[in-house]
Amino acid sequence: MGHENYYPRFGYKRASTFGITFPFEVPDANAMAVELVDNGLQGVSGEVVYPKDFF
């Protein structure tokens, strides 16, 4: 989760671009992911899993 105008300058993109979803409602503009290596998220998709203590 992050501010849609701040994190993209560091390479973050909308998580939905990679087919990544969250188990709770979050605005698409604020749900972000970053590839640590080129094409590191290519072919990756699914729902983020959080530990139960997160909720």
N, C-alpha and C. Protein backbone atom coordinates (compact mmCIF):
# COMPACT_ATOMS: atom_id res chain seq x y z
N MET A 1 0.85 -1.16 0.00
CA MET A 1 0.00 0.00 0.00
C MET A 1 0.90 1.23 0.00
N GLY A 2 0.54 2.19 -0.78
CA GLY A 2 1.34 3.39 -0.83
C GLY A 2 0.65 4.52 -1.57
N HIS A 3 1.22 5.69 -1.46
CA HIS A 3 0.66 6.86 -2.11
C HIS A 3 0.92 6.79 -3.60
N GLU A 4 -0.13 6.96 -4.39
CA GLU A 4 -0.04 6.76 -5.84
C GLU A 4 0.87 7.76 -6.54
N ASN A 5 1.20 8.86 -5.91
CA ASN A 5 2.10 9.84 -6.54
C ASN A 5 3.53 9.75 -6.04
N TYR A 6 3.75 9.02 -4.97
CA TYR A 6 5.09 8.94 -4.37
C TYR A 6 5.86 7.70 -4.83
N TYR A 7 5.28 6.53 -4.65
CA TYR A 7 6.01 5.29 -4.90
C TYR A 7 6.37 4.99 -6.35
N PRO A 8 5.58 5.42 -7.33
CA PRO A 8 5.98 5.14 -8.71
C PRO A 8 7.35 5.69 -9.09
N ARG A 9 7.81 6.73 -8.45
CA ARG A 9 9.15 7.26 -8.77
C ARG A 9 10.26 6.27 -8.42
N PHE A 10 9.92 5.27 -7.60
CA PHE A 10 10.88 4.24 -7.21
C PHE A 10 10.66 2.94 -7.98
N GLY A 11 9.82 3.00 -9.00
CA GLY A 11 9.59 1.83 -9.83
C GLY A 11 8.35 1.02 -9.49
N TYR A 12 7.62 1.42 -8.48
CA TYR A 12 6.40 0.70 -8.12
C TYR A 12 5.34 0.92 -9.17
N LYS A 13 4.58 -0.14 -9.43
CA LYS A 13 3.46 -0.09 -10.37
C LYS A 13 2.23 -0.66 -9.66
N ARG A 14 1.09 -0.41 -10.24
CA ARG A 14 -0.13 -0.98 -9.67
C ARG A 14 -0.01 -2.50 -9.64
N ALA A 15 -0.32 -3.10 -8.52
CA ALA A 15 -0.24 -4.55 -8.38
C ALA A 15 -1.14 -5.24 -9.40
N SER A 16 -2.24 -4.62 -9.74
CA SER A 16 -3.16 -5.21 -10.71
C SER A 16 -2.50 -5.40 -12.07
N THR A 17 -1.47 -4.60 -12.36
CA THR A 17 -0.72 -4.75 -13.61
C THR A 17 -0.12 -6.15 -13.71
N PHE A 18 0.21 -6.72 -12.56
CA PHE A 18 0.83 -8.04 -12.51
C PHE A 18 -0.18 -9.14 -12.17
N GLY A 19 -1.45 -8.79 -12.04
CA GLY A 19 -2.46 -9.79 -11.68
C GLY A 19 -2.44 -10.12 -10.20
N ILE A 20 -1.93 -9.19 -9.39
CA ILE A 20 -1.85 -9.40 -7.94
C ILE A 20 -3.03 -8.70 -7.28
N THR A 21 -3.73 -9.44 -6.41
CA THR A 21 -4.88 -8.90 -5.69
C THR A 21 -4.64 -9.00 -4.19
N PHE A 22 -5.54 -8.41 -3.42
CA PHE A 22 -5.43 -8.39 -1.97
C PHE A 22 -6.68 -8.98 -1.35
N PRO A 23 -6.57 -9.53 -0.15
CA PRO A 23 -7.73 -10.18 0.48
C PRO A 23 -8.68 -9.18 1.14
N PHE A 24 -8.47 -7.91 0.90
CA PHE A 24 -9.34 -6.87 1.43
C PHE A 24 -9.41 -5.76 0.39
N GLU A 25 -10.36 -4.88 0.57
CA GLU A 25 -10.55 -3.81 -0.41
C GLU A 25 -9.48 -2.74 -0.24
N VAL A 26 -8.83 -2.43 -1.34
CA VAL A 26 -7.82 -1.37 -1.36
C VAL A 26 -7.92 -0.69 -2.73
N PRO A 27 -7.85 0.63 -2.76
CA PRO A 27 -7.92 1.31 -4.05
C PRO A 27 -6.81 0.83 -4.98
N ASP A 28 -7.15 0.58 -6.22
CA ASP A 28 -6.17 0.08 -7.19
C ASP A 28 -4.94 0.99 -7.29
N ALA A 29 -5.15 2.28 -7.17
CA ALA A 29 -4.04 3.23 -7.28
C ALA A 29 -3.06 3.13 -6.12
N ASN A 30 -3.48 2.51 -5.00
CA ASN A 30 -2.63 2.43 -3.82
C ASN A 30 -2.08 1.03 -3.54
N ALA A 31 -2.53 0.06 -4.29
CA ALA A 31 -2.02 -1.31 -4.15
C ALA A 31 -0.89 -1.47 -5.16
N MET A 32 0.35 -1.55 -4.67
CA MET A 32 1.50 -1.50 -5.56
C MET A 32 2.44 -2.68 -5.37
N ALA A 33 3.24 -2.89 -6.39
CA ALA A 33 4.28 -3.93 -6.37
C ALA A 33 5.47 -3.40 -7.14
N VAL A 34 6.64 -3.91 -6.82
CA VAL A 34 7.86 -3.52 -7.54
C VAL A 34 8.65 -4.78 -7.86
N GLU A 35 9.20 -4.81 -9.05
CA GLU A 35 10.05 -5.93 -9.44
C GLU A 35 11.47 -5.65 -8.95
N LEU A 36 12.02 -6.55 -8.17
CA LEU A 36 13.37 -6.37 -7.65
C LEU A 36 14.42 -6.73 -8.69
N VAL A 37 14.03 -7.53 -9.66
CA VAL A 37 14.88 -7.85 -10.81
C VAL A 37 14.02 -7.67 -12.06
N ASP A 38 14.64 -7.37 -13.17
CA ASP A 38 13.89 -7.19 -14.42
C ASP A 38 13.00 -8.40 -14.69
N ASN A 39 11.74 -8.13 -14.97
CA ASN A 39 10.75 -9.17 -15.27
C ASN A 39 10.55 -10.16 -14.13
N GLY A 40 10.87 -9.76 -12.91
CA GLY A 40 10.74 -10.64 -11.76
C GLY A 40 9.32 -11.04 -11.44
N LEU A 41 8.36 -10.25 -11.87
CA LEU A 41 6.96 -10.58 -11.62
C LEU A 41 6.25 -11.07 -12.88
N GLN A 42 7.01 -11.32 -13.92
CA GLN A 42 6.42 -11.84 -15.16
C GLN A 42 5.84 -13.22 -14.90
N GLY A 43 4.59 -13.39 -15.23
CA GLY A 43 3.93 -14.68 -15.03
C GLY A 43 3.44 -14.91 -13.61
N VAL A 44 3.64 -13.92 -12.74
CA VAL A 44 3.18 -14.04 -11.35
C VAL A 44 1.78 -13.44 -11.26
N SER A 45 0.91 -14.11 -10.54
CA SER A 45 -0.41 -13.57 -10.27
C SER A 45 -0.96 -14.27 -9.04
N GLY A 46 -1.99 -13.70 -8.47
CA GLY A 46 -2.62 -14.32 -7.31
C GLY A 46 -2.92 -13.32 -6.23
N GLU A 47 -3.36 -13.83 -5.11
CA GLU A 47 -3.75 -13.00 -3.99
C GLU A 47 -2.65 -13.00 -2.93
N VAL A 48 -2.36 -11.82 -2.41
CA VAL A 48 -1.37 -11.67 -1.34
C VAL A 48 -1.91 -12.38 -0.10
N VAL A 49 -1.06 -13.11 0.59
CA VAL A 49 -1.46 -13.81 1.81
C VAL A 49 -0.77 -13.14 3.00
N TYR A 50 -1.57 -12.73 3.96
CA TYR A 50 -1.05 -12.09 5.16
C TYR A 50 -1.20 -13.05 6.35
N PRO A 51 -0.30 -12.95 7.32
CA PRO A 51 -0.48 -13.76 8.53
C PRO A 51 -1.76 -13.32 9.25
N LYS A 52 -2.39 -14.22 9.97
CA LYS A 52 -3.65 -13.90 10.65
C LYS A 52 -3.49 -12.75 11.64
N ASP A 53 -2.29 -12.55 12.18
CA ASP A 53 -2.05 -11.47 13.14
C ASP A 53 -2.12 -10.10 12.48
N PHE A 54 -2.03 -10.04 11.16
CA PHE A 54 -2.09 -8.79 10.45
C PHE A 54 -3.47 -8.15 10.61
N PHE A 55 -4.49 -8.99 10.67
CA PHE A 55 -5.85 -8.50 10.78
C PHE A 55 -6.17 -8.33 12.22
